[in-house]
Amino acid sequence: MHMACRHIKVNGLRCKSPALKGGQFCYYHSKTRTVEVDVKFGPLRLPTPEDPAAVQLSVARINQAILCGHLDLRKAESLFTGLRIAARFIDRKQVFDAAETVQSAEEHVDGDELAPLDYVCDDDEDCNECSYSELCPRCIHPGEEAEDEDD
């Protein structure tokens, strides 16, 4: 069993990778949660360009910063070039499943939102050797009885 990464993508889906031991995020999201660009009146926070929704949000934030005079056109052009490159590697045919959308979130110390804690159990894992067995919905814990389906 492992804890799932708590990153919520811009499209509302959570990352399904295992979190690093003792951490909240997978290796990728522990390195690339957000990108900050220095602009005239503080940082411009852009999401990691990992799905089409994140690219669209980044474009909107960059355009807003340009229109407000917080970002010069040369820096904006560089950001748009980077987004164009990132967009080439995004699977645009991803199926969106509303049932998998994160329904509640909690605030992280940096102000970002985290998906709820989720522990994922591998089918071949032995519950007696698992350090998370007390959290596992599959395991029957001492003193608990299996529910009879005949009732």
N, C-alpha and C. Protein backbone atom coordinates (compact mmCIF):
# COMPACT_ATOMS: atom_id res chain seq x y z
N MET A 1 0.85 -1.17 0.00
CA MET A 1 0.00 0.00 0.00
C MET A 1 0.89 1.23 0.00
N HIS A 2 0.44 2.24 -0.68
CA HIS A 2 1.18 3.50 -0.71
C HIS A 2 0.19 4.67 -0.69
N MET A 3 0.68 5.81 -0.27
CA MET A 3 -0.14 7.00 -0.31
C MET A 3 -0.05 7.57 -1.72
N ALA A 4 -1.19 8.00 -2.24
CA ALA A 4 -1.22 8.60 -3.58
C ALA A 4 -0.79 10.06 -3.48
N CYS A 5 -0.21 10.55 -4.55
CA CYS A 5 0.19 11.96 -4.66
C CYS A 5 -1.05 12.83 -4.42
N ARG A 6 -0.90 13.92 -3.71
CA ARG A 6 -2.02 14.77 -3.35
C ARG A 6 -2.20 15.97 -4.29
N HIS A 7 -1.42 16.00 -5.38
CA HIS A 7 -1.53 17.10 -6.34
C HIS A 7 -2.87 17.02 -7.07
N ILE A 8 -3.52 18.17 -7.21
CA ILE A 8 -4.75 18.27 -7.99
C ILE A 8 -4.40 19.01 -9.27
N LYS A 9 -4.65 18.38 -10.41
CA LYS A 9 -4.40 19.02 -11.69
C LYS A 9 -5.43 20.13 -11.90
N VAL A 10 -5.15 21.03 -12.82
CA VAL A 10 -6.04 22.15 -13.08
C VAL A 10 -7.41 21.67 -13.54
N ASN A 11 -7.48 20.50 -14.18
CA ASN A 11 -8.76 19.98 -14.65
C ASN A 11 -9.57 19.32 -13.54
N GLY A 12 -9.05 19.32 -12.30
CA GLY A 12 -9.80 18.78 -11.16
C GLY A 12 -9.49 17.34 -10.82
N LEU A 13 -8.67 16.68 -11.63
CA LEU A 13 -8.31 15.29 -11.36
C LEU A 13 -7.05 15.24 -10.52
N ARG A 14 -6.94 14.23 -9.68
CA ARG A 14 -5.74 14.10 -8.86
C ARG A 14 -4.72 13.25 -9.59
N CYS A 15 -3.47 13.47 -9.26
CA CYS A 15 -2.39 12.65 -9.79
C CYS A 15 -2.54 11.26 -9.20
N LYS A 16 -2.27 10.25 -9.97
CA LYS A 16 -2.43 8.87 -9.48
C LYS A 16 -1.10 8.19 -9.16
N SER A 17 -0.01 8.95 -9.20
CA SER A 17 1.30 8.37 -8.89
C SER A 17 1.46 8.21 -7.39
N PRO A 18 2.32 7.28 -6.98
CA PRO A 18 2.59 7.14 -5.54
C PRO A 18 3.38 8.34 -5.02
N ALA A 19 3.03 8.79 -3.81
CA ALA A 19 3.77 9.87 -3.17
C ALA A 19 5.11 9.34 -2.68
N LEU A 20 6.09 10.24 -2.61
CA LEU A 20 7.37 9.86 -2.04
C LEU A 20 7.18 9.50 -0.57
N LYS A 21 7.95 8.57 -0.05
CA LYS A 21 7.83 8.19 1.36
C LYS A 21 8.02 9.40 2.24
N GLY A 22 7.08 9.60 3.14
CA GLY A 22 7.13 10.73 4.06
C GLY A 22 6.73 12.05 3.43
N GLY A 23 6.30 12.05 2.17
CA GLY A 23 5.93 13.28 1.48
C GLY A 23 4.48 13.29 1.07
N GLN A 24 4.07 14.40 0.53
CA GLN A 24 2.69 14.59 0.07
C GLN A 24 2.54 14.35 -1.43
N PHE A 25 3.67 14.44 -2.17
CA PHE A 25 3.61 14.42 -3.62
C PHE A 25 4.51 13.36 -4.21
N CYS A 26 4.22 12.99 -5.47
CA CYS A 26 5.10 12.09 -6.21
C CYS A 26 6.39 12.84 -6.56
N TYR A 27 7.33 12.14 -7.13
CA TYR A 27 8.61 12.76 -7.46
C TYR A 27 8.40 13.96 -8.39
N TYR A 28 7.62 13.77 -9.43
CA TYR A 28 7.40 14.83 -10.42
C TYR A 28 6.78 16.07 -9.77
N HIS A 29 5.70 15.89 -9.03
CA HIS A 29 5.01 17.05 -8.45
C HIS A 29 5.75 17.65 -7.26
N SER A 30 6.64 16.90 -6.65
CA SER A 30 7.45 17.51 -5.59
C SER A 30 8.45 18.50 -6.19
N LYS A 31 8.77 18.33 -7.46
CA LYS A 31 9.72 19.21 -8.15
C LYS A 31 9.04 20.34 -8.92
N THR A 32 7.82 20.10 -9.40
CA THR A 32 7.21 21.05 -10.35
C THR A 32 5.79 21.45 -9.99
N ARG A 33 5.50 21.75 -8.75
CA ARG A 33 4.13 22.09 -8.38
C ARG A 33 3.63 23.34 -9.10
N THR A 34 4.36 24.43 -9.03
CA THR A 34 3.98 25.64 -9.76
C THR A 34 5.24 26.30 -10.28
N VAL A 35 5.05 27.15 -11.24
CA VAL A 35 6.16 27.91 -11.81
C VAL A 35 5.90 29.37 -11.47
N GLU A 36 6.90 30.05 -10.93
CA GLU A 36 6.75 31.46 -10.63
C GLU A 36 7.65 32.27 -11.54
N VAL A 37 7.07 33.31 -12.12
CA VAL A 37 7.80 34.21 -13.00
C VAL A 37 7.80 35.57 -12.32
N ASP A 38 8.98 36.19 -12.19
CA ASP A 38 9.05 37.51 -11.59
C ASP A 38 8.49 38.54 -12.56
N VAL A 39 7.52 39.28 -12.09
CA VAL A 39 6.96 40.38 -12.86
C VAL A 39 7.04 41.64 -12.01
N LYS A 40 6.62 42.75 -12.54
CA LYS A 40 6.80 44.04 -11.86
C LYS A 40 6.20 44.10 -10.46
N PHE A 41 5.05 43.50 -10.24
CA PHE A 41 4.35 43.64 -8.97
C PHE A 41 4.22 42.31 -8.23
N GLY A 42 5.28 41.51 -8.22
CA GLY A 42 5.26 40.22 -7.53
C GLY A 42 5.29 39.06 -8.51
N PRO A 43 5.28 37.86 -7.98
CA PRO A 43 5.39 36.69 -8.86
C PRO A 43 4.09 36.37 -9.59
N LEU A 44 4.24 35.89 -10.80
CA LEU A 44 3.13 35.38 -11.59
C LEU A 44 3.17 33.88 -11.43
N ARG A 45 2.15 33.30 -10.82
CA ARG A 45 2.13 31.86 -10.56
C ARG A 45 1.42 31.14 -11.70
N LEU A 46 2.14 30.25 -12.35
CA LEU A 46 1.59 29.46 -13.45
C LEU A 46 1.57 27.99 -13.04
N PRO A 47 0.50 27.26 -13.38
CA PRO A 47 0.48 25.84 -13.06
C PRO A 47 1.45 25.07 -13.95
N THR A 48 1.85 23.91 -13.49
CA THR A 48 2.68 23.03 -14.30
C THR A 48 1.89 22.67 -15.56
N PRO A 49 2.45 22.82 -16.75
CA PRO A 49 1.69 22.55 -17.97
C PRO A 49 1.56 21.05 -18.25
N GLU A 50 0.69 20.39 -17.49
CA GLU A 50 0.55 18.94 -17.59
C GLU A 50 -0.74 18.48 -18.25
N ASP A 51 -1.66 19.38 -18.49
CA ASP A 51 -2.89 19.03 -19.18
C ASP A 51 -3.41 20.27 -19.93
N PRO A 52 -4.36 20.09 -20.84
CA PRO A 52 -4.85 21.24 -21.60
C PRO A 52 -5.41 22.36 -20.73
N ALA A 53 -6.06 22.02 -19.62
CA ALA A 53 -6.62 23.04 -18.74
C ALA A 53 -5.52 23.90 -18.13
N ALA A 54 -4.39 23.30 -17.77
CA ALA A 54 -3.27 24.05 -17.20
C ALA A 54 -2.67 25.00 -18.22
N VAL A 55 -2.57 24.55 -19.47
CA VAL A 55 -2.04 25.42 -20.53
C VAL A 55 -2.98 26.61 -20.74
N GLN A 56 -4.29 26.35 -20.78
CA GLN A 56 -5.26 27.43 -20.96
C GLN A 56 -5.20 28.43 -19.81
N LEU A 57 -5.09 27.94 -18.59
CA LEU A 57 -5.01 28.83 -17.43
C LEU A 57 -3.74 29.67 -17.49
N SER A 58 -2.63 29.05 -17.89
CA SER A 58 -1.38 29.80 -18.02
C SER A 58 -1.49 30.90 -19.06
N VAL A 59 -2.09 30.59 -20.20
CA VAL A 59 -2.27 31.60 -21.25
C VAL A 59 -3.12 32.75 -20.72
N ALA A 60 -4.19 32.44 -20.00
CA ALA A 60 -5.05 33.49 -19.45
C ALA A 60 -4.30 34.35 -18.45
N ARG A 61 -3.50 33.75 -17.58
CA ARG A 61 -2.76 34.52 -16.58
C ARG A 61 -1.67 35.38 -17.23
N ILE A 62 -1.02 34.85 -18.24
CA ILE A 62 0.01 35.64 -18.95
C ILE A 62 -0.65 36.82 -19.65
N ASN A 63 -1.77 36.58 -20.34
CA ASN A 63 -2.47 37.67 -21.02
C ASN A 63 -2.93 38.73 -20.03
N GLN A 64 -3.43 38.32 -18.89
CA GLN A 64 -3.87 39.28 -17.88
C GLN A 64 -2.69 40.11 -17.37
N ALA A 65 -1.54 39.47 -17.16
CA ALA A 65 -0.35 40.19 -16.69
C ALA A 65 0.12 41.20 -17.75
N ILE A 66 0.01 40.84 -19.02
CA ILE A 66 0.39 41.77 -20.10
C ILE A 66 -0.55 42.97 -20.10
N LEU A 67 -1.86 42.70 -20.05
CA LEU A 67 -2.85 43.77 -20.11
C LEU A 67 -2.77 44.71 -18.91
N CYS A 68 -2.37 44.18 -17.77
CA CYS A 68 -2.25 45.01 -16.56
C CYS A 68 -0.91 45.74 -16.49
N GLY A 69 -0.03 45.46 -17.45
CA GLY A 69 1.28 46.11 -17.47
C GLY A 69 2.28 45.50 -16.50
N HIS A 70 2.01 44.28 -16.03
CA HIS A 70 2.90 43.61 -15.08
C HIS A 70 3.96 42.76 -15.77
N LEU A 71 3.79 42.50 -17.05
CA LEU A 71 4.69 41.60 -17.78
C LEU A 71 5.02 42.22 -19.13
N ASP A 72 6.31 42.28 -19.44
CA ASP A 72 6.69 42.84 -20.74
C ASP A 72 6.51 41.79 -21.83
N LEU A 73 6.39 42.26 -23.06
CA LEU A 73 6.09 41.37 -24.18
C LEU A 73 7.21 40.37 -24.46
N ARG A 74 8.46 40.74 -24.24
CA ARG A 74 9.57 39.83 -24.50
C ARG A 74 9.49 38.62 -23.56
N LYS A 75 9.24 38.86 -22.29
CA LYS A 75 9.12 37.75 -21.33
C LYS A 75 7.87 36.92 -21.64
N ALA A 76 6.78 37.58 -22.00
CA ALA A 76 5.54 36.88 -22.33
C ALA A 76 5.76 35.98 -23.55
N GLU A 77 6.49 36.48 -24.54
CA GLU A 77 6.77 35.68 -25.74
C GLU A 77 7.54 34.41 -25.38
N SER A 78 8.51 34.55 -24.47
CA SER A 78 9.27 33.37 -24.02
C SER A 78 8.36 32.37 -23.31
N LEU A 79 7.46 32.88 -22.47
CA LEU A 79 6.54 31.99 -21.76
C LEU A 79 5.60 31.28 -22.73
N PHE A 80 5.08 32.02 -23.71
CA PHE A 80 4.19 31.39 -24.70
C PHE A 80 4.93 30.34 -25.52
N THR A 81 6.20 30.58 -25.83
CA THR A 81 6.99 29.58 -26.56
C THR A 81 7.14 28.32 -25.74
N GLY A 82 7.41 28.47 -24.47
CA GLY A 82 7.51 27.30 -23.58
C GLY A 82 6.20 26.54 -23.48
N LEU A 83 5.10 27.27 -23.40
CA LEU A 83 3.79 26.61 -23.35
C LEU A 83 3.48 25.88 -24.65
N ARG A 84 3.87 26.47 -25.77
CA ARG A 84 3.65 25.83 -27.08
C ARG A 84 4.40 24.50 -27.15
N ILE A 85 5.62 24.49 -26.64
CA ILE A 85 6.42 23.26 -26.63
C ILE A 85 5.77 22.23 -25.70
N ALA A 86 5.38 22.66 -24.50
CA ALA A 86 4.75 21.74 -23.54
C ALA A 86 3.46 21.16 -24.09
N ALA A 87 2.69 21.99 -24.80
CA ALA A 87 1.40 21.55 -25.33
C ALA A 87 1.55 20.43 -26.35
N ARG A 88 2.68 20.37 -27.03
CA ARG A 88 2.91 19.29 -28.00
C ARG A 88 2.92 17.92 -27.35
N PHE A 89 3.31 17.86 -26.09
CA PHE A 89 3.47 16.58 -25.41
C PHE A 89 2.26 16.19 -24.56
N ILE A 90 1.23 17.00 -24.59
CA ILE A 90 0.04 16.72 -23.80
C ILE A 90 -0.93 15.88 -24.62
N ASP A 91 -1.46 14.85 -23.98
CA ASP A 91 -2.45 13.99 -24.63
C ASP A 91 -3.79 14.72 -24.63
N ARG A 92 -4.20 15.19 -25.80
CA ARG A 92 -5.46 15.94 -25.90
C ARG A 92 -6.67 15.02 -25.94
N LYS A 93 -6.44 13.74 -26.07
CA LYS A 93 -7.56 12.80 -26.18
C LYS A 93 -7.87 12.14 -24.84
N GLN A 94 -7.35 12.71 -23.74
CA GLN A 94 -7.64 12.15 -22.43
C GLN A 94 -9.14 12.18 -22.20
N VAL A 95 -9.66 11.09 -21.66
CA VAL A 95 -11.08 11.02 -21.34
C VAL A 95 -11.27 11.63 -19.96
N PHE A 96 -12.18 12.57 -19.86
CA PHE A 96 -12.46 13.21 -18.57
C PHE A 96 -13.57 12.45 -17.88
N ASP A 97 -13.30 11.96 -16.69
CA ASP A 97 -14.28 11.22 -15.91
C ASP A 97 -14.69 12.07 -14.72
N ALA A 98 -15.90 12.61 -14.76
CA ALA A 98 -16.37 13.50 -13.69
C ALA A 98 -16.38 12.81 -12.34
N ALA A 99 -16.57 11.48 -12.32
CA ALA A 99 -16.60 10.75 -11.05
C ALA A 99 -15.23 10.76 -10.36
N GLU A 100 -14.16 10.95 -11.13
CA GLU A 100 -12.82 10.98 -10.55
C GLU A 100 -12.36 12.38 -10.15
N THR A 101 -13.21 13.38 -10.37
CA THR A 101 -12.86 14.75 -10.01
C THR A 101 -12.79 14.87 -8.50
N VAL A 102 -11.78 15.58 -8.02
CA VAL A 102 -11.63 15.80 -6.58
C VAL A 102 -12.82 16.61 -6.08
N GLN A 103 -13.49 16.11 -5.05
CA GLN A 103 -14.69 16.76 -4.53
C GLN A 103 -14.42 17.68 -3.34
N SER A 104 -13.31 17.45 -2.65
CA SER A 104 -12.95 18.31 -1.53
C SER A 104 -11.43 18.44 -1.50
N ALA A 105 -10.97 19.53 -0.92
CA ALA A 105 -9.54 19.78 -0.87
C ALA A 105 -9.21 20.49 0.43
N GLU A 106 -7.93 20.40 0.81
CA GLU A 106 -7.48 21.16 1.97
C GLU A 106 -6.32 22.04 1.54
N GLU A 107 -6.09 23.10 2.28
CA GLU A 107 -5.05 24.06 1.89
C GLU A 107 -3.68 23.62 2.38
N HIS A 108 -2.71 23.69 1.49
CA HIS A 108 -1.31 23.40 1.80
C HIS A 108 -0.68 24.67 2.36
N VAL A 109 0.45 24.54 3.04
CA VAL A 109 1.10 25.71 3.65
C VAL A 109 1.47 26.78 2.61
N ASP A 110 1.70 26.39 1.36
CA ASP A 110 2.05 27.37 0.33
C ASP A 110 0.83 28.00 -0.34
N GLY A 111 -0.37 27.66 0.13
CA GLY A 111 -1.59 28.24 -0.41
C GLY A 111 -2.27 27.41 -1.47
N ASP A 112 -1.57 26.41 -2.02
CA ASP A 112 -2.18 25.53 -3.01
C ASP A 112 -3.14 24.56 -2.33
N GLU A 113 -3.98 23.95 -3.13
CA GLU A 113 -4.93 22.98 -2.59
C GLU A 113 -4.38 21.57 -2.75
N LEU A 114 -4.68 20.72 -1.76
CA LEU A 114 -4.27 19.32 -1.79
C LEU A 114 -5.51 18.43 -1.88
N ALA A 115 -5.37 17.34 -2.61
CA ALA A 115 -6.42 16.33 -2.64
C ALA A 115 -6.45 15.63 -1.28
N PRO A 116 -7.57 15.03 -0.92
CA PRO A 116 -7.64 14.31 0.35
C PRO A 116 -6.62 13.16 0.38
N LEU A 117 -6.23 12.76 1.58
CA LEU A 117 -5.34 11.61 1.70
C LEU A 117 -5.99 10.39 1.06
N ASP A 118 -5.22 9.62 0.33
CA ASP A 118 -5.74 8.42 -0.31
C ASP A 118 -4.64 7.37 -0.31
N TYR A 119 -4.96 6.21 0.18
CA TYR A 119 -4.00 5.11 0.21
C TYR A 119 -4.44 4.07 -0.80
N VAL A 120 -3.50 3.64 -1.61
CA VAL A 120 -3.79 2.69 -2.68
C VAL A 120 -3.13 1.37 -2.33
N CYS A 121 -3.91 0.31 -2.39
CA CYS A 121 -3.42 -1.01 -2.03
C CYS A 121 -3.24 -1.85 -3.30
N ASP A 122 -2.08 -2.47 -3.41
CA ASP A 122 -1.85 -3.38 -4.53
C ASP A 122 -2.56 -4.69 -4.25
N ASP A 123 -3.13 -5.31 -5.27
CA ASP A 123 -3.90 -6.54 -5.09
C ASP A 123 -3.07 -7.69 -4.53
N ASP A 124 -1.79 -7.73 -4.87
CA ASP A 124 -0.96 -8.84 -4.43
C ASP A 124 -0.26 -8.57 -3.10
N GLU A 125 -0.59 -7.48 -2.44
CA GLU A 125 0.08 -7.09 -1.21
C GLU A 125 -0.48 -7.86 -0.01
N ASP A 126 0.39 -8.26 0.90
CA ASP A 126 0.00 -8.98 2.10
C ASP A 126 -0.32 -7.95 3.19
N CYS A 127 -1.57 -7.94 3.66
CA CYS A 127 -2.00 -6.95 4.65
C CYS A 127 -1.22 -7.07 5.97
N ASN A 128 -0.77 -8.28 6.31
CA ASN A 128 -0.04 -8.46 7.57
C ASN A 128 1.31 -7.78 7.56
N GLU A 129 1.89 -7.57 6.38
CA GLU A 129 3.20 -6.94 6.28
C GLU A 129 3.13 -5.46 5.91
N CYS A 130 1.95 -4.96 5.67
CA CYS A 130 1.78 -3.57 5.22
C CYS A 130 1.76 -2.62 6.41
N SER A 131 2.52 -1.55 6.30
CA SER A 131 2.57 -0.56 7.39
C SER A 131 1.32 0.30 7.44
N TYR A 132 0.49 0.27 6.42
CA TYR A 132 -0.75 1.05 6.40
C TYR A 132 -1.99 0.18 6.58
N SER A 133 -1.83 -1.05 7.03
CA SER A 133 -2.96 -1.98 7.07
C SER A 133 -4.14 -1.47 7.89
N GLU A 134 -3.87 -0.65 8.93
CA GLU A 134 -4.98 -0.14 9.74
C GLU A 134 -5.82 0.88 8.98
N LEU A 135 -5.31 1.41 7.88
CA LEU A 135 -6.04 2.38 7.06
C LEU A 135 -6.73 1.73 5.87
N CYS A 136 -6.40 0.47 5.63
CA CYS A 136 -6.84 -0.20 4.41
C CYS A 136 -8.28 -0.69 4.51
N PRO A 137 -9.11 -0.35 3.55
CA PRO A 137 -10.49 -0.83 3.57
C PRO A 137 -10.61 -2.32 3.22
N ARG A 138 -9.57 -2.92 2.62
CA ARG A 138 -9.61 -4.34 2.26
C ARG A 138 -9.32 -5.25 3.44
N CYS A 139 -8.53 -4.76 4.39
CA CYS A 139 -8.07 -5.61 5.49
C CYS A 139 -9.13 -5.73 6.57
N ILE A 140 -9.19 -6.91 7.16
CA ILE A 140 -10.02 -7.12 8.34
C ILE A 140 -9.10 -7.03 9.53
N HIS A 141 -9.40 -6.09 10.41
CA HIS A 141 -8.54 -5.82 11.54
C HIS A 141 -8.94 -6.69 12.74
N PRO A 142 -8.02 -6.99 13.63
CA PRO A 142 -8.36 -7.80 14.81
C PRO A 142 -9.54 -7.20 15.56
N GLY A 143 -10.48 -8.04 15.92
CA GLY A 143 -11.66 -7.58 16.65
C GLY A 143 -12.81 -7.21 15.73
N GLU A 144 -12.55 -7.13 14.44
CA GLU A 144 -13.62 -6.82 13.48
C GLU A 144 -14.07 -8.11 12.82
N GLU A 145 -15.33 -8.13 12.46
CA GLU A 145 -15.86 -9.30 11.77
C GLU A 145 -16.17 -8.92 10.34
N ALA A 146 -15.99 -9.86 9.46
CA ALA A 146 -16.36 -9.64 8.07
C ALA A 146 -17.86 -9.53 7.98
N GLU A 147 -18.36 -8.63 7.17
CA GLU A 147 -19.80 -8.49 6.99
C GLU A 147 -20.33 -9.63 6.15
N ASP A 148 -21.35 -10.26 6.64
CA ASP A 148 -21.96 -11.36 5.88
C ASP A 148 -22.89 -10.76 4.84
N GLU A 149 -22.78 -11.24 3.63
CA GLU A 149 -23.65 -10.76 2.57
C GLU A 149 -24.99 -11.48 2.59
N ASP A 150 -25.12 -12.54 3.44
CA ASP A 150 -26.35 -13.31 3.49
C ASP A 150 -27.42 -12.63 4.33
N ASP A 151 -27.06 -11.64 5.16
CA ASP A 151 -28.02 -11.01 6.06
C ASP A 151 -29.06 -10.25 5.34
